[in-house]
Amino acid sequence: MGLRTRRRLAALGAAWLAAAGAVLPARAAGSAPANACSAAAESPRLLRCVHGLPSQAVLPLLQRQRASRWCWAAALSMALRPLGIEASQEALVRLWYGSAVNQALELAHLPRLLDREWRDGQGRPVRLQAVPVAADAAGLMAPGVLDDLGDGRLPLVALAGHLVVLTEVLWERQADGTATLLRAVVADPAAADGLRNLRPEEAATARVLRLQPMVQSVAAAP
């Protein structure tokens, strides 16, 4: 591990320890996604922001992976549900492999798997596009990722050989514009409790994949 990586991990670890005692922006009541920033109590020039779904909204989405190498299928099934698409782990595995084999899926293949016509709960066609984001902690705070979380859409996060779903991000911005990640919560299909915080070393190399509904073009009337 290089000196630059060690320094980045140390900075992330210190920030996340500080976040444990931070006063968070107030959430709206209920299970609505948060998309809010407020001045920190200790300094009005420090903005602290939270984006994403509260735990009570995520709990109905949680799934444990049904086979040892199906983290990708469980994570994708969870991420599709807020988009109105119901797809079981078994259905996703069969869609790609042709049968319910216990096989992993490389992240590079996810765009091809997603690039098809899906159906939402009302039977309407939905096409999705997988949009990759920078592979580091900054990617977890990318504007598009924060917009998705604020709208209730859940990006996928690829860790080392494991796929999880991003559900909430807490970050802060200094007066000079410097942004620091404080906490990233994920739905982990291999975790006993389902929800957990990313560790600093995971956030430092996380690869984020946004699931974006594509606008369907409508043919002009003759």
C-alpha atoms as a PDB file:
ATOM      1  CA  MET A   1       0.000   0.000   0.000  1.00  0.00           C
ATOM      2  CA  GLY A   2       1.483   3.317  -1.106  1.00  0.00           C
ATOM      3  CA  LEU A   3       1.959   6.405   1.058  1.00  0.00           C
ATOM      4  CA  ARG A   4      -0.805   8.293  -0.769  1.00  0.00           C
ATOM      5  CA  THR A   5      -3.303   5.476  -0.143  1.00  0.00           C
ATOM      6  CA  ARG A   6      -2.326   5.242   3.540  1.00  0.00           C
ATOM      7  CA  ARG A   7      -2.835   8.998   3.966  1.00  0.00           C
ATOM      8  CA  ARG A   8      -6.231   8.835   2.253  1.00  0.00           C
ATOM      9  CA  LEU A   9      -7.341   5.963   4.497  1.00  0.00           C
ATOM     10  CA  ALA A  10      -6.114   7.792   7.591  1.00  0.00           C
ATOM     11  CA  ALA A  11      -8.057  10.913   6.596  1.00  0.00           C
ATOM     12  CA  LEU A  12     -11.203   8.887   5.927  1.00  0.00           C
ATOM     13  CA  GLY A  13     -10.874   7.058   9.224  1.00  0.00           C
ATOM     14  CA  ALA A  14     -10.449  10.292  11.178  1.00  0.00           C
ATOM     15  CA  ALA A  15     -13.444  11.867   9.432  1.00  0.00           C
ATOM     16  CA  TRP A  16     -15.654   8.868  10.145  1.00  0.00           C
ATOM     17  CA  LEU A  17     -14.664   8.834  13.787  1.00  0.00           C
ATOM     18  CA  ALA A  18     -15.598  12.507  14.004  1.00  0.00           C
ATOM     19  CA  ALA A  19     -18.925  11.750  12.334  1.00  0.00           C
ATOM     20  CA  ALA A  20     -19.876   9.413  15.161  1.00  0.00           C
ATOM     21  CA  GLY A  21     -20.501  12.423  17.387  1.00  0.00           C
ATOM     22  CA  ALA A  22     -21.770  14.791  14.706  1.00  0.00           C
ATOM     23  CA  VAL A  23     -25.199  16.389  14.751  1.00  0.00           C
ATOM     24  CA  LEU A  24     -26.886  15.283  11.522  1.00  0.00           C
ATOM     25  CA  PRO A  25     -29.243  17.365   9.362  1.00  0.00           C
ATOM     26  CA  ALA A  26     -32.867  16.889  10.378  1.00  0.00           C
ATOM     27  CA  ARG A  27     -34.781  14.299   8.359  1.00  0.00           C
ATOM     28  CA  ALA A  28     -38.347  14.638   7.222  1.00  0.00           C
ATOM     29  CA  ALA A  29     -40.729  12.400   9.127  1.00  0.00           C
ATOM     30  CA  GLY A  30     -41.522   8.987   7.683  1.00  0.00           C
ATOM     31  CA  SER A  31     -39.610   6.977   5.118  1.00  0.00           C
ATOM     32  CA  ALA A  32     -39.071   9.656   2.460  1.00  0.00           C
ATOM     33  CA  PRO A  33     -35.532   9.951   1.067  1.00  0.00           C
ATOM     34  CA  ALA A  34     -33.372  12.708   2.518  1.00  0.00           C
ATOM     35  CA  ASN A  35     -31.677  15.331   0.386  1.00  0.00           C
ATOM     36  CA  ALA A  36     -30.699  17.988   2.906  1.00  0.00           C
ATOM     37  CA  CYS A  37     -27.772  20.080   4.085  1.00  0.00           C
ATOM     38  CA  SER A  38     -27.550  22.261   7.157  1.00  0.00           C
ATOM     39  CA  ALA A  39     -24.910  24.295   8.979  1.00  0.00           C
ATOM     40  CA  ALA A  40     -22.997  22.288  11.561  1.00  0.00           C
ATOM     41  CA  ALA A  41     -23.595  23.250  15.181  1.00  0.00           C
ATOM     42  CA  GLU A  42     -19.879  23.720  15.784  1.00  0.00           C
ATOM     43  CA  SER A  43     -19.369  26.030  12.792  1.00  0.00           C
ATOM     44  CA  PRO A  44     -21.909  27.856  10.602  1.00  0.00           C
ATOM     45  CA  ARG A  45     -19.396  27.762   7.725  1.00  0.00           C
ATOM     46  CA  LEU A  46     -19.371  23.962   7.765  1.00  0.00           C
ATOM     47  CA  LEU A  47     -22.199  22.276   5.870  1.00  0.00           C
ATOM     48  CA  ARG A  48     -23.219  18.747   6.805  1.00  0.00           C
ATOM     49  CA  CYS A  49     -25.395  16.852   4.338  1.00  0.00           C
ATOM     50  CA  VAL A  50     -27.335  13.597   4.252  1.00  0.00           C
ATOM     51  CA  HIS A  51     -28.761  11.927   1.151  1.00  0.00           C
ATOM     52  CA  GLY A  52     -30.645   8.657   0.852  1.00  0.00           C
ATOM     53  CA  LEU A  53     -33.205   6.435   2.490  1.00  0.00           C
ATOM     54  CA  PRO A  54     -33.673   5.980   6.252  1.00  0.00           C
ATOM     55  CA  SER A  55     -33.300   2.466   7.594  1.00  0.00           C
ATOM     56  CA  GLN A  56     -37.057   1.969   7.986  1.00  0.00           C
ATOM     57  CA  ALA A  57     -37.498   2.540   4.249  1.00  0.00           C
ATOM     58  CA  VAL A  58     -34.658   0.182   3.342  1.00  0.00           C
ATOM     59  CA  LEU A  59     -35.701  -2.737   5.568  1.00  0.00           C
ATOM     60  CA  PRO A  60     -38.464  -3.969   3.212  1.00  0.00           C
ATOM     61  CA  LEU A  61     -35.924  -4.058   0.359  1.00  0.00           C
ATOM     62  CA  LEU A  62     -33.268  -6.102   2.140  1.00  0.00           C
ATOM     63  CA  GLN A  63     -32.356  -9.532   0.813  1.00  0.00           C
ATOM     64  CA  ARG A  64     -29.797 -12.132   1.793  1.00  0.00           C
ATOM     65  CA  GLN A  65     -28.049 -13.699  -1.171  1.00  0.00           C
ATOM     66  CA  ARG A  66     -29.570 -17.125  -1.828  1.00  0.00           C
ATOM     67  CA  ALA A  67     -26.320 -18.717  -3.001  1.00  0.00           C
ATOM     68  CA  SER A  68     -22.703 -18.136  -2.062  1.00  0.00           C
ATOM     69  CA  ARG A  69     -21.861 -16.327  -5.328  1.00  0.00           C
ATOM     70  CA  TRP A  70     -25.109 -14.461  -5.842  1.00  0.00           C
ATOM     71  CA  CYS A  71     -24.268 -11.168  -4.162  1.00  0.00           C
ATOM     72  CA  TRP A  72     -24.636  -9.496  -7.569  1.00  0.00           C
ATOM     73  CA  ALA A  73     -28.130 -10.931  -8.085  1.00  0.00           C
ATOM     74  CA  ALA A  74     -29.284  -9.961  -4.585  1.00  0.00           C
ATOM     75  CA  ALA A  75     -27.848  -6.443  -4.867  1.00  0.00           C
ATOM     76  CA  LEU A  76     -29.363  -5.898  -8.298  1.00  0.00           C
ATOM     77  CA  SER A  77     -32.749  -7.217  -7.168  1.00  0.00           C
ATOM     78  CA  MET A  78     -32.698  -4.711  -4.264  1.00  0.00           C
ATOM     79  CA  ALA A  79     -31.614  -1.798  -6.481  1.00  0.00           C
ATOM     80  CA  LEU A  80     -34.321  -2.500  -9.073  1.00  0.00           C
ATOM     81  CA  ARG A  81     -37.230  -2.387  -6.628  1.00  0.00           C
ATOM     82  CA  PRO A  82     -37.234   1.410  -6.044  1.00  0.00           C
ATOM     83  CA  LEU A  83     -37.467   1.719  -9.840  1.00  0.00           C
ATOM     84  CA  GLY A  84     -40.685  -0.323  -9.775  1.00  0.00           C
ATOM     85  CA  ILE A  85     -39.063  -3.458 -11.194  1.00  0.00           C
ATOM     86  CA  GLU A  86     -39.518  -6.777  -9.390  1.00  0.00           C
ATOM     87  CA  ALA A  87     -36.844  -9.322 -10.332  1.00  0.00           C
ATOM     88  CA  SER A  88     -35.915 -12.210  -8.065  1.00  0.00           C
ATOM     89  CA  GLN A  89     -32.343 -13.380  -7.647  1.00  0.00           C
ATOM     90  CA  GLU A  90     -33.140 -16.629  -9.443  1.00  0.00           C
ATOM     91  CA  ALA A  91     -34.741 -14.764 -12.352  1.00  0.00           C
ATOM     92  CA  LEU A  92     -31.689 -12.530 -12.776  1.00  0.00           C
ATOM     93  CA  VAL A  93     -29.303 -15.478 -12.707  1.00  0.00           C
ATOM     94  CA  ARG A  94     -31.412 -17.345 -15.278  1.00  0.00           C
ATOM     95  CA  LEU A  95     -31.590 -14.220 -17.418  1.00  0.00           C
ATOM     96  CA  TRP A  96     -27.801 -14.133 -17.720  1.00  0.00           C
ATOM     97  CA  TYR A  97     -26.716 -17.776 -17.410  1.00  0.00           C
ATOM     98  CA  GLY A  98     -29.812 -19.606 -18.651  1.00  0.00           C
ATOM     99  CA  SER A  99     -30.185 -21.572 -15.418  1.00  0.00           C
ATOM    100  CA  ALA A 100     -29.916 -20.969 -11.668  1.00  0.00           C
ATOM    101  CA  VAL A 101     -26.211 -21.791 -11.413  1.00  0.00           C
ATOM    102  CA  ASN A 102     -24.138 -20.572  -8.472  1.00  0.00           C
ATOM    103  CA  GLN A 103     -21.909 -18.219 -10.461  1.00  0.00           C
ATOM    104  CA  ALA A 104     -20.567 -14.728  -9.888  1.00  0.00           C
ATOM    105  CA  LEU A 105     -20.970 -11.940 -12.432  1.00  0.00           C
ATOM    106  CA  GLU A 106     -18.188  -9.548 -13.363  1.00  0.00           C
ATOM    107  CA  LEU A 107     -19.009  -5.870 -12.950  1.00  0.00           C
ATOM    108  CA  ALA A 108     -18.139  -5.301 -16.615  1.00  0.00           C
ATOM    109  CA  HIS A 109     -21.102  -7.488 -17.622  1.00  0.00           C
ATOM    110  CA  LEU A 110     -23.727  -5.600 -15.605  1.00  0.00           C
ATOM    111  CA  PRO A 111     -24.379  -2.939 -18.301  1.00  0.00           C
ATOM    112  CA  ARG A 112     -25.179  -5.708 -20.809  1.00  0.00           C
ATOM    113  CA  LEU A 113     -27.450  -7.461 -18.329  1.00  0.00           C
ATOM    114  CA  LEU A 114     -29.321  -4.226 -17.607  1.00  0.00           C
ATOM    115  CA  ASP A 115     -29.585  -3.117 -21.253  1.00  0.00           C
ATOM    116  CA  ARG A 116     -32.961  -4.645 -22.037  1.00  0.00           C
ATOM    117  CA  GLU A 117     -36.623  -3.810 -21.689  1.00  0.00           C
ATOM    118  CA  TRP A 118     -37.933  -4.359 -18.162  1.00  0.00           C
ATOM    119  CA  ARG A 119     -41.495  -4.031 -16.907  1.00  0.00           C
ATOM    120  CA  ASP A 120     -42.589  -2.064 -13.870  1.00  0.00           C
ATOM    121  CA  GLY A 121     -45.449  -2.916 -11.524  1.00  0.00           C
ATOM    122  CA  GLN A 122     -47.998  -1.443 -13.966  1.00  0.00           C
ATOM    123  CA  GLY A 123     -46.605  -3.396 -16.885  1.00  0.00           C
ATOM    124  CA  ARG A 124     -45.000  -0.334 -18.468  1.00  0.00           C
ATOM    125  CA  PRO A 125     -41.708  -0.823 -20.345  1.00  0.00           C
ATOM    126  CA  VAL A 126     -38.573   0.518 -18.654  1.00  0.00           C
ATOM    127  CA  ARG A 127     -35.076   0.624 -20.135  1.00  0.00           C
ATOM    128  CA  LEU A 128     -32.083   1.122 -17.874  1.00  0.00           C
ATOM    129  CA  GLN A 129     -28.580   2.411 -18.388  1.00  0.00           C
ATOM    130  CA  ALA A 130     -25.651   1.592 -16.105  1.00  0.00           C
ATOM    131  CA  VAL A 131     -23.568   4.736 -15.518  1.00  0.00           C
ATOM    132  CA  PRO A 132     -20.137   4.165 -13.896  1.00  0.00           C
ATOM    133  CA  VAL A 133     -18.738   6.707 -11.429  1.00  0.00           C
ATOM    134  CA  ALA A 134     -15.170   7.363 -10.223  1.00  0.00           C
ATOM    135  CA  ALA A 135     -13.621   4.504  -8.268  1.00  0.00           C
ATOM    136  CA  ASP A 136     -12.902   6.183  -4.927  1.00  0.00           C
ATOM    137  CA  ALA A 137     -14.608   7.864  -1.981  1.00  0.00           C
ATOM    138  CA  ALA A 138     -15.298  10.931  -4.138  1.00  0.00           C
ATOM    139  CA  GLY A 139     -17.497   8.732  -6.323  1.00  0.00           C
ATOM    140  CA  LEU A 140     -19.780   8.142  -3.351  1.00  0.00           C
ATOM    141  CA  MET A 141     -20.310  11.916  -3.178  1.00  0.00           C
ATOM    142  CA  ALA A 142     -20.619  12.544  -6.922  1.00  0.00           C
ATOM    143  CA  PRO A 143     -23.509  14.914  -7.735  1.00  0.00           C
ATOM    144  CA  GLY A 144     -25.349  12.283  -9.771  1.00  0.00           C
ATOM    145  CA  VAL A 145     -25.043   9.735  -6.978  1.00  0.00           C
ATOM    146  CA  LEU A 146     -26.365  12.219  -4.407  1.00  0.00           C
ATOM    147  CA  ASP A 147     -29.227  13.147  -6.742  1.00  0.00           C
ATOM    148  CA  ASP A 148     -30.135   9.483  -7.127  1.00  0.00           C
ATOM    149  CA  LEU A 149     -30.138   8.924  -3.372  1.00  0.00           C
ATOM    150  CA  GLY A 150     -32.185  12.062  -2.803  1.00  0.00           C
ATOM    151  CA  ASP A 151     -34.770  10.780  -5.299  1.00  0.00           C
ATOM    152  CA  GLY A 152     -34.879   7.322  -3.724  1.00  0.00           C
ATOM    153  CA  ARG A 153     -32.819   5.522  -6.395  1.00  0.00           C
ATOM    154  CA  LEU A 154     -30.099   3.216  -5.069  1.00  0.00           C
ATOM    155  CA  PRO A 155     -26.721   2.929  -6.837  1.00  0.00           C
ATOM    156  CA  LEU A 156     -24.698  -0.279  -6.821  1.00  0.00           C
ATOM    157  CA  VAL A 157     -21.268  -0.309  -5.181  1.00  0.00           C
ATOM    158  CA  ALA A 158     -18.603  -2.795  -6.213  1.00  0.00           C
ATOM    159  CA  LEU A 159     -16.112  -3.707  -3.514  1.00  0.00           C
ATOM    160  CA  ALA A 160     -13.323  -6.274  -3.778  1.00  0.00           C
ATOM    161  CA  GLY A 161     -15.198  -9.255  -5.226  1.00  0.00           C
ATOM    162  CA  HIS A 162     -18.506  -8.203  -3.690  1.00  0.00           C
ATOM    163  CA  LEU A 163     -21.518  -6.118  -4.764  1.00  0.00           C
ATOM    164  CA  VAL A 164     -23.639  -4.052  -2.354  1.00  0.00           C
ATOM    165  CA  VAL A 165     -26.280  -1.306  -2.633  1.00  0.00           C
ATOM    166  CA  LEU A 166     -25.684   2.279  -1.499  1.00  0.00           C
ATOM    167  CA  THR A 167     -28.591   3.513   0.634  1.00  0.00           C
ATOM    168  CA  GLU A 168     -27.328   6.640   2.427  1.00  0.00           C
ATOM    169  CA  VAL A 169     -24.380   9.049   2.373  1.00  0.00           C
ATOM    170  CA  LEU A 170     -23.358  11.571   5.026  1.00  0.00           C
ATOM    171  CA  TRP A 171     -20.728  14.132   4.041  1.00  0.00           C
ATOM    172  CA  GLU A 172     -19.601  17.627   4.892  1.00  0.00           C
ATOM    173  CA  ARG A 173     -18.251  20.610   2.982  1.00  0.00           C
ATOM    174  CA  GLN A 174     -15.761  23.114   4.337  1.00  0.00           C
ATOM    175  CA  ALA A 175     -15.928  26.840   3.568  1.00  0.00           C
ATOM    176  CA  ASP A 176     -13.193  26.372   0.937  1.00  0.00           C
ATOM    177  CA  GLY A 177     -15.321  23.800  -0.900  1.00  0.00           C
ATOM    178  CA  THR A 178     -13.446  20.723   0.332  1.00  0.00           C
ATOM    179  CA  ALA A 179     -15.846  17.776   0.624  1.00  0.00           C
ATOM    180  CA  THR A 180     -15.257  14.936   3.084  1.00  0.00           C
ATOM    181  CA  LEU A 181     -17.145  11.661   3.254  1.00  0.00           C
ATOM    182  CA  LEU A 182     -18.289  10.929   6.796  1.00  0.00           C
ATOM    183  CA  ARG A 183     -20.357   7.785   6.382  1.00  0.00           C
ATOM    184  CA  ALA A 184     -21.714   5.566   3.626  1.00  0.00           C
ATOM    185  CA  VAL A 185     -24.443   3.044   4.484  1.00  0.00           C
ATOM    186  CA  VAL A 186     -24.960  -0.002   2.269  1.00  0.00           C
ATOM    187  CA  ALA A 187     -27.365  -2.890   2.006  1.00  0.00           C
ATOM    188  CA  ASP A 188     -25.056  -5.895   2.038  1.00  0.00           C
ATOM    189  CA  PRO A 189     -26.594  -9.221   0.927  1.00  0.00           C
ATOM    190  CA  ALA A 190     -23.914 -11.108   2.876  1.00  0.00           C
ATOM    191  CA  ALA A 191     -24.226  -9.137   6.149  1.00  0.00           C
ATOM    192  CA  ALA A 192     -26.174 -10.681   9.010  1.00  0.00           C
ATOM    193  CA  ASP A 193     -28.100  -7.470   9.703  1.00  0.00           C
ATOM    194  CA  GLY A 194     -28.430  -6.421   6.067  1.00  0.00           C
ATOM    195  CA  LEU A 195     -27.352  -2.803   6.618  1.00  0.00           C
ATOM    196  CA  ARG A 196     -23.845  -1.696   7.538  1.00  0.00           C
ATOM    197  CA  ASN A 197     -21.408   1.198   7.157  1.00  0.00           C
ATOM    198  CA  LEU A 198     -18.665   0.938   4.591  1.00  0.00           C
ATOM    199  CA  ARG A 199     -15.231   0.775   6.155  1.00  0.00           C
ATOM    200  CA  PRO A 200     -12.816   3.573   5.162  1.00  0.00           C
ATOM    201  CA  GLU A 201     -10.623   1.175   3.183  1.00  0.00           C
ATOM    202  CA  GLU A 202     -13.690  -0.006   1.246  1.00  0.00           C
ATOM    203  CA  ALA A 203     -14.862   3.530   0.486  1.00  0.00           C
ATOM    204  CA  ALA A 204     -11.394   4.477  -0.772  1.00  0.00           C
ATOM    205  CA  THR A 205     -11.639   1.990  -3.671  1.00  0.00           C
ATOM    206  CA  ALA A 206     -15.430   1.664  -4.111  1.00  0.00           C
ATOM    207  CA  ARG A 207     -16.696   1.605  -7.698  1.00  0.00           C
ATOM    208  CA  VAL A 208     -20.172   3.088  -8.027  1.00  0.00           C
ATOM    209  CA  LEU A 209     -22.658   2.175 -10.735  1.00  0.00           C
ATOM    210  CA  ARG A 210     -25.782   4.306 -11.137  1.00  0.00           C
ATOM    211  CA  LEU A 211     -28.963   2.723 -12.531  1.00  0.00           C
ATOM    212  CA  GLN A 212     -30.594   5.317 -14.773  1.00  0.00           C
ATOM    213  CA  PRO A 213     -33.991   4.917 -16.453  1.00  0.00           C
ATOM    214  CA  MET A 214     -33.638   5.907 -20.104  1.00  0.00           C
ATOM    215  CA  VAL A 215     -36.145   8.295 -21.641  1.00  0.00           C
ATOM    216  CA  GLN A 216     -38.181   6.441 -24.226  1.00  0.00           C
ATOM    217  CA  SER A 217     -38.490   8.325 -27.484  1.00  0.00           C
ATOM    218  CA  VAL A 218     -41.991   8.741 -28.829  1.00  0.00           C
ATOM    219  CA  ALA A 219     -42.495   8.606 -32.575  1.00  0.00           C
ATOM    220  CA  ALA A 220     -44.098  11.706 -34.041  1.00  0.00           C
ATOM    221  CA  ALA A 221     -47.578  11.307 -35.420  1.00  0.00           C
ATOM    222  CA  PRO A 222     -47.721  11.351 -39.246  1.00  0.00           C
END
